[in-house]
């Protein structure tokens, strides 16, 4: 199977490496394709989002790298679109749609910046009610279903980023699970692809990937589509945890990944392991 990661960041937003360093790292990791996915601009969030005036330069650099390395790897120009951003998708080959902030009481609240700010969201915007915060978060994620430009749902349950070792959210509560499954059903009906995202584990925030295994099992039962992405913010994270993510997908019953071919996404079946072939 040709491995690829379409969710990666560079020095044009909050990544630590240049686009070329990320591409070379992807080649070194044996990937067949890599996408650099720029954080869409959000006013007042220039420390982690792209600046609108820098987007043409980013796109030009990705196209330059695609030409330079075309004999070694496919390089794609992607966008990680945040629902707090203005919709502007021109010049991007694919779109990952994510929710990093919620709007409540007339202000934006961070979902995943730091544990302190994640707790501030629960306490300040929802009076300490984690289930209410989860309902609002998954309702926002569900809006991706109505966005025709969105190909991939980024880190579906990102709100649990700081749930290890002491959880902020009770993911086994009836309210939390109902909110998550309702959003998932809407996204599956809209044909969206869900990424198994290894980024938080790569950065040491948690050991589990997004989505959680129970949610992945539910996604499989719904007939959902998956891909695997690293959400790398540094060159050495570009393919972090991919074998483990593939094993997780198989364990949950998935038989294929949806991968980008430069025009659209198509399924690529997992290779049968040796034990299966000998049955």
Protein backbone atom coordinates (compact mmCIF):
# COMPACT_ATOMS: atom_id res chain seq x y z
CA UNK A 1 0.00 0.00 0.00
CA UNK A 2 1.24 3.47 -0.87
CA UNK A 3 1.31 5.43 2.35
CA UNK A 4 0.60 9.11 2.40
CA UNK A 5 -0.01 11.84 4.95
CA UNK A 6 -2.12 14.79 3.88
CA UNK A 7 -2.26 16.55 7.24
CA UNK A 8 1.05 18.28 7.99
CA UNK A 9 2.11 21.80 8.89
CA UNK A 10 5.18 23.90 8.17
CA UNK A 11 6.66 27.34 8.84
CA UNK A 12 3.85 29.03 6.91
CA UNK A 13 1.64 28.42 9.97
CA UNK A 14 2.61 26.78 13.28
CA UNK A 15 4.96 24.08 12.00
CA UNK A 16 8.62 23.94 12.99
CA UNK A 17 10.06 22.88 9.62
CA UNK A 18 10.05 24.44 6.17
CA UNK A 19 7.90 22.87 3.45
CA UNK A 20 10.99 21.39 1.80
CA UNK A 21 12.18 19.87 5.06
CA UNK A 22 8.76 18.25 5.48
CA UNK A 23 8.83 16.88 1.93
CA UNK A 24 12.32 15.45 2.39
CA UNK A 25 11.25 13.88 5.68
CA UNK A 26 8.30 12.25 3.92
CA UNK A 27 10.66 10.80 1.30
CA UNK A 28 12.91 9.51 4.06
CA UNK A 29 9.92 7.89 5.77
CA UNK A 30 9.05 6.01 2.60
CA UNK A 31 5.80 7.85 1.88
CA UNK A 32 4.50 7.89 -1.66
CA UNK A 33 2.70 11.20 -1.23
CA UNK A 34 2.62 14.09 1.21
CA UNK A 35 0.29 17.04 1.56
CA UNK A 36 1.11 20.25 3.37
CA UNK A 37 -2.16 21.51 4.86
CA UNK A 38 -2.15 25.20 5.73
CA UNK A 39 -4.18 26.38 8.75
CA UNK A 40 -6.79 28.74 7.32
CA UNK A 41 -6.59 32.35 8.53
CA UNK A 42 -8.54 33.35 11.66
CA UNK A 43 -8.44 37.01 12.72
CA UNK A 44 -6.39 37.39 15.90
CA UNK A 45 -4.86 33.90 15.64
CA UNK A 46 -1.80 34.68 13.55
CA UNK A 47 0.46 32.74 15.93
CA UNK A 48 -0.87 29.39 14.63
CA UNK A 49 -2.85 30.25 11.51
CA UNK A 50 -1.68 31.47 8.12
CA UNK A 51 -1.82 35.13 7.24
CA UNK A 52 -4.01 35.76 4.17
CA UNK A 53 -1.25 37.64 2.39
CA UNK A 54 1.08 34.62 2.68
CA UNK A 55 -1.23 32.10 1.03
CA UNK A 56 -0.08 32.76 -2.57
CA UNK A 57 3.54 32.27 -1.51
CA UNK A 58 2.67 29.02 0.26
CA UNK A 59 0.83 27.69 -2.77
CA UNK A 60 3.68 28.66 -5.09
CA UNK A 61 6.23 26.93 -2.85
CA UNK A 62 4.23 23.71 -2.72
CA UNK A 63 3.89 23.68 -6.50
CA UNK A 64 7.65 24.30 -6.81
CA UNK A 65 8.40 21.37 -4.52
CA UNK A 66 5.96 19.15 -6.41
CA UNK A 67 7.97 19.80 -9.56
CA UNK A 68 11.39 19.42 -7.92
CA UNK A 69 10.55 16.09 -6.24
CA UNK A 70 8.09 14.66 -8.77
CA UNK A 71 10.32 11.61 -9.41
CA UNK A 72 10.49 10.78 -5.69
CA UNK A 73 7.13 11.67 -4.16
CA UNK A 74 3.80 13.29 -4.98
CA UNK A 75 3.45 16.65 -3.21
CA UNK A 76 0.01 18.21 -2.72
CA UNK A 77 -1.16 21.64 -1.63
CA UNK A 78 -3.82 21.27 1.04
CA UNK A 79 -5.87 23.40 3.40
CA UNK A 80 -6.91 22.69 6.97
CA UNK A 81 -10.01 24.83 7.07
CA UNK A 82 -11.29 25.90 10.47
CA UNK A 83 -14.99 26.64 10.78
CA UNK A 84 -14.13 29.99 12.38
CA UNK A 85 -12.42 31.06 9.15
CA UNK A 86 -13.88 32.74 6.10
CA UNK A 87 -14.45 30.12 3.39
CA UNK A 88 -11.78 30.54 0.70
CA UNK A 89 -10.68 27.33 -1.00
CA UNK A 90 -9.07 28.62 -4.20
CA UNK A 91 -5.80 27.01 -5.19
CA UNK A 92 -5.97 24.03 -2.82
CA UNK A 93 -6.05 20.43 -4.03
CA UNK A 94 -8.03 19.11 -1.06
CA UNK A 95 -9.57 20.37 2.17
CA UNK A 96 -9.43 19.02 5.72
CA UNK A 97 -12.14 20.63 7.84
CA UNK A 98 -11.60 20.98 11.59
CA UNK A 99 -12.97 22.68 14.69
CA UNK A 100 -10.29 24.22 16.93
CA UNK A 101 -12.45 26.91 18.53
CA UNK A 102 -16.05 27.32 19.64
CA UNK A 103 -17.98 30.56 19.68
CA UNK A 104 -20.01 31.17 22.85
CA UNK A 105 -21.09 34.32 24.70
CA UNK A 106 -19.74 36.45 21.87
CA UNK A 107 -16.16 35.18 22.01
CA UNK A 108 -14.04 32.36 20.66
CA UNK A 109 -12.92 29.63 23.06
CA UNK A 110 -10.03 27.30 22.29
CA UNK A 111 -10.71 23.57 22.19
CA UNK A 112 -7.13 22.29 22.11
CA UNK A 113 -4.48 24.96 22.73
CA UNK A 114 -3.53 24.01 26.30
CA UNK A 115 -5.19 21.99 29.05
CA UNK A 116 -5.81 25.21 30.97
CA UNK A 117 -7.61 26.79 28.01
CA UNK A 118 -9.55 23.59 27.34
CA UNK A 119 -10.77 23.62 30.93
CA UNK A 120 -11.54 27.33 30.59
CA UNK A 121 -13.86 26.43 27.70
CA UNK A 122 -15.80 24.00 29.89
CA UNK A 123 -15.90 26.25 32.95
CA UNK A 124 -16.24 29.66 31.34
CA UNK A 125 -18.55 28.94 28.43
CA UNK A 126 -20.56 26.01 29.82
CA UNK A 127 -20.55 26.47 33.60
CA UNK A 128 -18.39 23.41 34.21
CA UNK A 129 -20.67 21.09 32.24
CA UNK A 130 -18.41 18.95 30.09
CA UNK A 131 -21.33 17.22 28.42
CA UNK A 132 -22.75 20.57 27.31
CA UNK A 133 -19.35 21.55 25.93
CA UNK A 134 -19.16 18.24 24.06
CA UNK A 135 -22.63 18.77 22.60
CA UNK A 136 -21.60 22.20 21.31
CA UNK A 137 -18.33 20.87 19.93
CA UNK A 138 -19.87 17.95 18.05
CA UNK A 139 -22.69 20.16 16.77
CA UNK A 140 -19.99 22.38 15.25
CA UNK A 141 -18.17 19.39 13.76
CA UNK A 142 -21.45 18.17 12.25
CA UNK A 143 -21.65 21.41 10.25
CA UNK A 144 -18.78 20.08 8.12
CA UNK A 145 -21.36 17.80 6.50
CA UNK A 146 -22.88 20.84 4.77
CA UNK A 147 -19.53 22.01 3.41
CA UNK A 148 -19.15 20.54 -0.10
CA UNK A 149 -15.49 21.56 -0.36
CA UNK A 150 -14.50 19.51 2.71
CA UNK A 151 -12.99 16.14 1.87
CA UNK A 152 -11.68 15.02 5.27
CA UNK A 153 -12.84 15.56 8.85
CA UNK A 154 -9.83 16.51 10.97
CA UNK A 155 -9.26 14.89 14.40
CA UNK A 156 -12.97 14.17 15.00
CA UNK A 157 -12.79 14.09 18.82
CA UNK A 158 -10.07 16.72 19.26
CA UNK A 159 -11.74 17.99 22.43
CA UNK A 160 -10.27 14.95 24.26
CA UNK A 161 -6.69 16.04 23.54
CA UNK A 162 -5.95 16.58 27.24
CA UNK A 163 -7.96 13.65 28.64
CA UNK A 164 -4.89 11.69 29.67
CA UNK A 165 -4.24 10.92 32.42
CA UNK A 166 -7.04 12.94 34.07
CA UNK A 167 -10.06 13.32 31.76
CA UNK A 168 -11.80 16.62 31.14
CA UNK A 169 -14.67 14.86 29.36
CA UNK A 170 -16.66 11.77 30.30
CA UNK A 171 -16.57 10.07 26.94
CA UNK A 172 -18.68 7.14 28.15
CA UNK A 173 -21.56 9.36 29.22
CA UNK A 174 -24.84 9.01 27.36
CA UNK A 175 -24.86 12.68 26.37
CA UNK A 176 -21.29 12.70 25.05
CA UNK A 177 -21.72 9.52 23.04
CA UNK A 178 -25.06 10.61 21.57
CA UNK A 179 -23.58 13.93 20.46
CA UNK A 180 -20.57 12.24 18.90
CA UNK A 181 -22.59 9.58 17.10
CA UNK A 182 -25.11 12.09 15.78
CA UNK A 183 -22.30 14.18 14.26
CA UNK A 184 -20.65 11.07 12.88
CA UNK A 185 -23.85 9.88 11.22
CA UNK A 186 -24.35 13.23 9.51
CA UNK A 187 -20.78 13.26 8.24
CA UNK A 188 -20.96 9.68 6.99
CA UNK A 189 -24.19 10.44 5.11
CA UNK A 190 -22.39 13.40 3.50
CA UNK A 191 -19.59 11.10 2.31
CA UNK A 192 -16.85 12.70 4.39
CA UNK A 193 -13.63 10.84 5.14
CA UNK A 194 -12.42 10.58 8.76
CA UNK A 195 -8.72 10.69 9.52
CA UNK A 196 -7.04 8.49 12.07
CA UNK A 197 -4.85 11.27 13.41
CA UNK A 198 -1.63 10.36 15.24
CA UNK A 199 -0.57 13.95 15.98
CA UNK A 200 -1.36 14.29 19.67
CA UNK A 201 0.46 11.04 20.43
CA UNK A 202 3.46 12.23 18.41
CA UNK A 203 3.61 15.38 20.53
CA UNK A 204 3.29 13.45 23.80
CA UNK A 205 -0.11 14.76 24.82
CA UNK A 206 -1.78 11.35 24.80
CA UNK A 207 -1.21 7.72 23.90
CA UNK A 208 -4.40 7.13 21.90
CA UNK A 209 -5.10 8.39 18.40
CA UNK A 210 -8.17 10.28 17.18
CA UNK A 211 -10.91 9.10 16.88
CA UNK A 212 -11.05 6.84 19.91
CA UNK A 213 -11.36 3.12 19.28
CA UNK A 214 -15.04 2.97 20.36
CA UNK A 215 -15.85 5.77 17.92
CA UNK A 216 -13.85 4.08 15.16
CA UNK A 217 -15.83 0.89 15.70
CA UNK A 218 -19.05 2.87 15.46
CA UNK A 219 -17.77 4.55 12.31
CA UNK A 220 -17.07 1.16 10.74
CA UNK A 221 -20.60 -0.01 11.55
CA UNK A 222 -21.95 3.10 9.81
CA UNK A 223 -19.92 2.35 6.69
CA UNK A 224 -17.62 5.33 7.19
CA UNK A 225 -14.42 6.04 5.27
CA UNK A 226 -10.99 6.53 6.84
CA UNK A 227 -7.53 7.76 6.00
CA UNK A 228 -4.40 8.03 8.16
CA UNK A 229 -2.61 11.32 8.82
CA UNK A 230 0.12 12.42 11.19
CA UNK A 231 -0.88 16.07 11.69
CA UNK A 232 2.88 16.57 11.84
CA UNK A 233 4.23 19.91 13.05
CA UNK A 234 7.86 18.78 12.83
CA UNK A 235 9.80 16.77 10.26
CA UNK A 236 10.38 13.80 12.55
CA UNK A 237 6.62 13.38 13.08
CA UNK A 238 5.70 13.02 9.41
CA UNK A 239 4.70 9.34 9.58
CA UNK A 240 4.47 8.89 13.34
CA UNK A 241 2.53 5.81 14.44
CA UNK A 242 1.38 4.76 10.97
CA UNK A 243 1.86 0.98 11.52
CA UNK A 244 -0.06 1.23 14.80
CA UNK A 245 -2.80 3.29 13.16
CA UNK A 246 -3.15 0.71 10.39
CA UNK A 247 -3.34 -2.06 12.97
CA UNK A 248 -6.04 -0.10 14.83
CA UNK A 249 -8.03 0.33 11.63
CA UNK A 250 -7.86 -3.39 10.87
CA UNK A 251 -8.84 -4.25 14.45
CA UNK A 252 -11.92 -2.07 14.10
CA UNK A 253 -12.92 -3.88 10.92
CA UNK A 254 -11.81 -1.49 8.19
CA UNK A 255 -10.45 -3.06 5.02
CA UNK A 256 -9.26 0.01 3.10
CA UNK A 257 -7.90 3.54 3.38
CA UNK A 258 -9.15 6.40 1.24
CA UNK A 259 -6.16 8.06 -0.40
CA UNK A 260 -5.73 11.13 -2.59
CA UNK A 261 -4.55 10.60 -6.16
CA UNK A 262 -4.11 14.25 -7.11
CA UNK A 263 -7.71 14.66 -8.29
CA UNK A 264 -9.95 12.77 -5.90
CA UNK A 265 -9.95 10.27 -3.05
CA UNK A 266 -10.18 6.57 -3.79
CA UNK A 267 -10.10 3.43 -1.63
CA UNK A 268 -6.92 1.38 -1.36
CA UNK A 269 -7.42 -2.00 0.26
CA UNK A 270 -5.16 -3.20 3.03
CA UNK A 271 -2.84 -5.97 1.98
CA UNK A 272 -3.72 -9.29 3.55
CA UNK A 273 -1.14 -10.38 6.06
CA UNK A 274 0.74 -13.64 5.62
CA UNK A 275 -1.39 -15.53 8.17
CA UNK A 276 -4.56 -14.52 6.35
CA UNK A 277 -3.13 -15.57 2.96
CA UNK A 278 -2.25 -19.03 4.33
CA UNK A 279 -5.76 -19.76 5.57
